[in-house]
Each structure stands twice: as structure tokens, then as C-alpha cells.
Amino acid sequence: MRFSGCSCIVFRLMEFAVIQTGGKQYTVSKGDSISIEKILGDHKEGDKITFDHVLLVDDGKNTTIGTPYIPNASVKGTITEIGRAAKVIVVKYKQKSRSGWTRNGHRQPFFKVKIDSLK
């Protein structure tokens, strides 16, 4: 197999972790911004937050898998934005009945978190 214009292949070693929060799992690395649907408690923009439910940590050489969580592992982040997503329109229609249409809208709240460090 020949690569045009390049005689070497460069692999980038990247540290990442898999965390669990709000009933979902997220793959994060340092500097990433993730959008999380639910974080319990009262929070404001600029607050520091720590995720203790770390399922996997990979530093590029070694991989640690939790059973189910890794003890003494944490991911620290900063809440950069609190808002609500775009409106999703939900339409219900029953054919052959004279009840007609039912239309509802929903805006899901979100927290945008910037990952500061993996530990």
C-alpha cells in the first residue's frame, strides 16, 4: 500500500475518558465541550463541576476499565452555558376520527460543559 506524498504515518496519542451523567455516557477529552441534558442541583454559568462516575480512562498507552466505576477517578469541568435547545414540535393525529390534530412543543434544557482535566 502506498501513500502519496507521505512516507510516514503519525499517530496522535490522546487521553480520553468515558463518564456517565444524566443517564447517558459521554466520551470526553481535555478541552472538549459537551452538551448534557440533566445535572442535578442548582448551578450557574461558571460553576466548577466534578464527574465521579468514570467508566473508562485511556491515556494513550494504558487503558483502565471500571467495574462499573473506577475508584478515585474524576473528570473536572466548567459550566459555560445553561440554556434550552430548539423547539421540537410533536404532532399527534388519529385518522378516520373527527378529533383532529394535537400539537405540542418541547424545549429540552441543556448544560454546556467544558472539560478542564482528567484525573
C-alpha atoms as a PDB file:
ATOM      1  CA  MET A   1       0.000   0.000   0.000  1.00  0.00           C
ATOM      2  CA  ARG A   2       1.426   3.349  -0.996  1.00  0.00           C
ATOM      3  CA  PHE A   3       0.594   6.771   0.423  1.00  0.00           C
ATOM      4  CA  SER A   4       1.028   9.648  -1.971  1.00  0.00           C
ATOM      5  CA  GLY A   5       3.212  12.467  -0.721  1.00  0.00           C
ATOM      6  CA  CYS A   6       3.867  10.981   2.719  1.00  0.00           C
ATOM      7  CA  SER A   7       6.444   8.414   3.712  1.00  0.00           C
ATOM      8  CA  CYS A   8       5.392   8.135   7.347  1.00  0.00           C
ATOM      9  CA  ILE A   9       2.257   7.719   9.389  1.00  0.00           C
ATOM     10  CA  VAL A  10       1.882   9.810  12.521  1.00  0.00           C
ATOM     11  CA  PHE A  11      -0.297   8.556  15.355  1.00  0.00           C
ATOM     12  CA  ARG A  12      -1.503  11.041  17.909  1.00  0.00           C
ATOM     13  CA  LEU A  13      -1.789   9.702  21.446  1.00  0.00           C
ATOM     14  CA  MET A  14      -4.786  11.247  23.119  1.00  0.00           C
ATOM     15  CA  GLU A  15      -6.047  10.905  26.643  1.00  0.00           C
ATOM     16  CA  PHE A  16      -9.784  10.375  26.965  1.00  0.00           C
ATOM     17  CA  ALA A  17     -12.365   9.103  29.435  1.00  0.00           C
ATOM     18  CA  VAL A  18     -15.915   7.803  29.372  1.00  0.00           C
ATOM     19  CA  ILE A  19     -18.168   9.342  32.013  1.00  0.00           C
ATOM     20  CA  GLN A  20     -21.766   8.674  32.996  1.00  0.00           C
ATOM     21  CA  THR A  21     -24.120  11.503  33.914  1.00  0.00           C
ATOM     22  CA  GLY A  22     -27.808  12.187  33.423  1.00  0.00           C
ATOM     23  CA  GLY A  23     -28.464   8.571  32.447  1.00  0.00           C
ATOM     24  CA  LYS A  24     -26.123   8.778  29.440  1.00  0.00           C
ATOM     25  CA  GLN A  25     -22.470   8.099  28.701  1.00  0.00           C
ATOM     26  CA  TYR A  26     -20.105  10.643  27.160  1.00  0.00           C
ATOM     27  CA  THR A  27     -16.601  10.274  25.723  1.00  0.00           C
ATOM     28  CA  VAL A  28     -14.555  13.293  26.791  1.00  0.00           C
ATOM     29  CA  SER A  29     -11.021  14.627  26.475  1.00  0.00           C
ATOM     30  CA  LYS A  30      -9.354  17.721  27.880  1.00  0.00           C
ATOM     31  CA  GLY A  31     -10.637  20.869  26.164  1.00  0.00           C
ATOM     32  CA  ASP A  32     -13.845  19.289  24.816  1.00  0.00           C
ATOM     33  CA  SER A  33     -17.254  20.929  25.165  1.00  0.00           C
ATOM     34  CA  ILE A  34     -20.172  18.592  25.728  1.00  0.00           C
ATOM     35  CA  SER A  35     -23.880  19.270  25.987  1.00  0.00           C
ATOM     36  CA  ILE A  36     -25.520  17.461  28.915  1.00  0.00           C
ATOM     37  CA  GLU A  37     -29.277  17.281  29.341  1.00  0.00           C
ATOM     38  CA  LYS A  38     -29.562  16.969  33.115  1.00  0.00           C
ATOM     39  CA  ILE A  39     -27.362  17.885  36.060  1.00  0.00           C
ATOM     40  CA  LEU A  40     -28.989  17.635  39.469  1.00  0.00           C
ATOM     41  CA  GLY A  41     -28.803  20.594  41.828  1.00  0.00           C
ATOM     42  CA  ASP A  42     -28.708  24.360  41.402  1.00  0.00           C
ATOM     43  CA  HIS A  43     -25.925  25.511  39.094  1.00  0.00           C
ATOM     44  CA  LYS A  44     -24.909  28.773  37.420  1.00  0.00           C
ATOM     45  CA  GLU A  45     -22.670  29.554  34.478  1.00  0.00           C
ATOM     46  CA  GLY A  46     -19.025  29.489  35.549  1.00  0.00           C
ATOM     47  CA  ASP A  47     -19.524  26.858  38.265  1.00  0.00           C
ATOM     48  CA  LYS A  48     -16.962  24.072  38.547  1.00  0.00           C
ATOM     49  CA  ILE A  49     -18.385  20.565  38.381  1.00  0.00           C
ATOM     50  CA  THR A  50     -16.812  17.155  39.067  1.00  0.00           C
ATOM     51  CA  PHE A  51     -17.941  13.918  37.449  1.00  0.00           C
ATOM     52  CA  ASP A  52     -17.132  10.932  39.692  1.00  0.00           C
ATOM     53  CA  HIS A  53     -18.818   8.216  37.611  1.00  0.00           C
ATOM     54  CA  VAL A  54     -15.846   7.439  35.352  1.00  0.00           C
ATOM     55  CA  LEU A  55     -16.255   4.189  33.414  1.00  0.00           C
ATOM     56  CA  LEU A  56     -13.029   4.135  31.375  1.00  0.00           C
ATOM     57  CA  VAL A  57      -9.765   6.079  31.206  1.00  0.00           C
ATOM     58  CA  ASP A  58      -7.252   5.788  28.354  1.00  0.00           C
ATOM     59  CA  ASP A  59      -4.001   7.773  28.441  1.00  0.00           C
ATOM     60  CA  GLY A  60      -2.738   6.582  25.040  1.00  0.00           C
ATOM     61  CA  LYS A  61      -0.676   3.732  26.489  1.00  0.00           C
ATOM     62  CA  ASN A  62      -2.738   2.184  29.267  1.00  0.00           C
ATOM     63  CA  THR A  63      -6.469   1.614  29.439  1.00  0.00           C
ATOM     64  CA  THR A  64      -8.307   1.307  32.766  1.00  0.00           C
ATOM     65  CA  ILE A  65     -11.812  -0.110  32.767  1.00  0.00           C
ATOM     66  CA  GLY A  66     -14.027   0.238  35.830  1.00  0.00           C
ATOM     67  CA  THR A  67     -16.282  -2.382  37.380  1.00  0.00           C
ATOM     68  CA  PRO A  68     -18.592  -0.432  36.981  1.00  0.00           C
ATOM     69  CA  TYR A  69     -16.709   2.750  38.025  1.00  0.00           C
ATOM     70  CA  ILE A  70     -13.026   3.499  38.517  1.00  0.00           C
ATOM     71  CA  PRO A  71     -12.304   4.391  42.168  1.00  0.00           C
ATOM     72  CA  ASN A  72     -10.522   7.737  42.765  1.00  0.00           C
ATOM     73  CA  ALA A  73     -11.008   8.812  39.132  1.00  0.00           C
ATOM     74  CA  SER A  74     -12.712  12.084  38.297  1.00  0.00           C
ATOM     75  CA  VAL A  75     -13.280  14.484  35.438  1.00  0.00           C
ATOM     76  CA  LYS A  76     -13.443  18.203  36.197  1.00  0.00           C
ATOM     77  CA  GLY A  77     -15.240  20.748  34.078  1.00  0.00           C
ATOM     78  CA  THR A  78     -16.727  24.235  33.986  1.00  0.00           C
ATOM     79  CA  ILE A  79     -20.310  25.076  33.048  1.00  0.00           C
ATOM     80  CA  THR A  80     -20.050  27.558  30.184  1.00  0.00           C
ATOM     81  CA  GLU A  81     -23.699  27.852  29.155  1.00  0.00           C
ATOM     82  CA  ILE A  82     -27.131  26.959  30.500  1.00  0.00           C
ATOM     83  CA  GLY A  83     -29.988  27.109  28.051  1.00  0.00           C
ATOM     84  CA  ARG A  84     -32.748  25.362  26.209  1.00  0.00           C
ATOM     85  CA  ALA A  85     -32.498  23.643  22.851  1.00  0.00           C
ATOM     86  CA  ALA A  86     -34.553  24.499  19.786  1.00  0.00           C
ATOM     87  CA  LYS A  87     -38.245  23.710  19.943  1.00  0.00           C
ATOM     88  CA  VAL A  88     -39.326  20.262  18.838  1.00  0.00           C
ATOM     89  CA  ILE A  89     -42.901  20.066  17.570  1.00  0.00           C
ATOM     90  CA  VAL A  90     -44.829  16.903  18.475  1.00  0.00           C
ATOM     91  CA  VAL A  91     -47.925  16.234  16.352  1.00  0.00           C
ATOM     92  CA  LYS A  92     -50.464  13.522  17.081  1.00  0.00           C
ATOM     93  CA  TYR A  93     -53.107  12.623  14.528  1.00  0.00           C
ATOM     94  CA  LYS A  94     -55.689   9.858  14.509  1.00  0.00           C
ATOM     95  CA  GLN A  95     -57.038   9.130  11.094  1.00  0.00           C
ATOM     96  CA  LYS A  96     -60.710   8.476  10.394  1.00  0.00           C
ATOM     97  CA  SER A  97     -61.775  10.213  13.574  1.00  0.00           C
ATOM     98  CA  ARG A  98     -63.073  13.712  13.878  1.00  0.00           C
ATOM     99  CA  SER A  99     -60.849  14.555  16.827  1.00  0.00           C
ATOM    100  CA  GLY A 100     -58.307  16.233  14.542  1.00  0.00           C
ATOM    101  CA  TRP A 101     -54.777  17.213  15.393  1.00  0.00           C
ATOM    102  CA  THR A 102     -52.969  17.625  18.687  1.00  0.00           C
ATOM    103  CA  ARG A 103     -49.841  19.729  18.522  1.00  0.00           C
ATOM    104  CA  ASN A 104     -47.370  20.262  21.378  1.00  0.00           C
ATOM    105  CA  GLY A 105     -43.944  21.866  21.570  1.00  0.00           C
ATOM    106  CA  HIS A 106     -40.993  20.967  23.798  1.00  0.00           C
ATOM    107  CA  ARG A 107     -37.658  22.635  24.522  1.00  0.00           C
ATOM    108  CA  GLN A 108     -35.133  20.388  26.256  1.00  0.00           C
ATOM    109  CA  PRO A 109     -32.872  22.158  28.778  1.00  0.00           C
ATOM    110  CA  PHE A 110     -29.104  21.633  28.423  1.00  0.00           C
ATOM    111  CA  PHE A 111     -25.847  22.412  30.188  1.00  0.00           C
ATOM    112  CA  LYS A 112     -22.766  23.062  28.046  1.00  0.00           C
ATOM    113  CA  VAL A 113     -19.693  21.899  29.974  1.00  0.00           C
ATOM    114  CA  LYS A 114     -16.037  22.475  29.014  1.00  0.00           C
ATOM    115  CA  ILE A 115     -13.760  19.679  30.251  1.00  0.00           C
ATOM    116  CA  ASP A 116     -10.775  21.067  32.208  1.00  0.00           C
ATOM    117  CA  SER A 117      -8.935  17.973  33.418  1.00  0.00           C
ATOM    118  CA  LEU A 118      -8.999  14.188  33.609  1.00  0.00           C
ATOM    119  CA  LYS A 119      -7.672  12.645  36.800  1.00  0.00           C
END
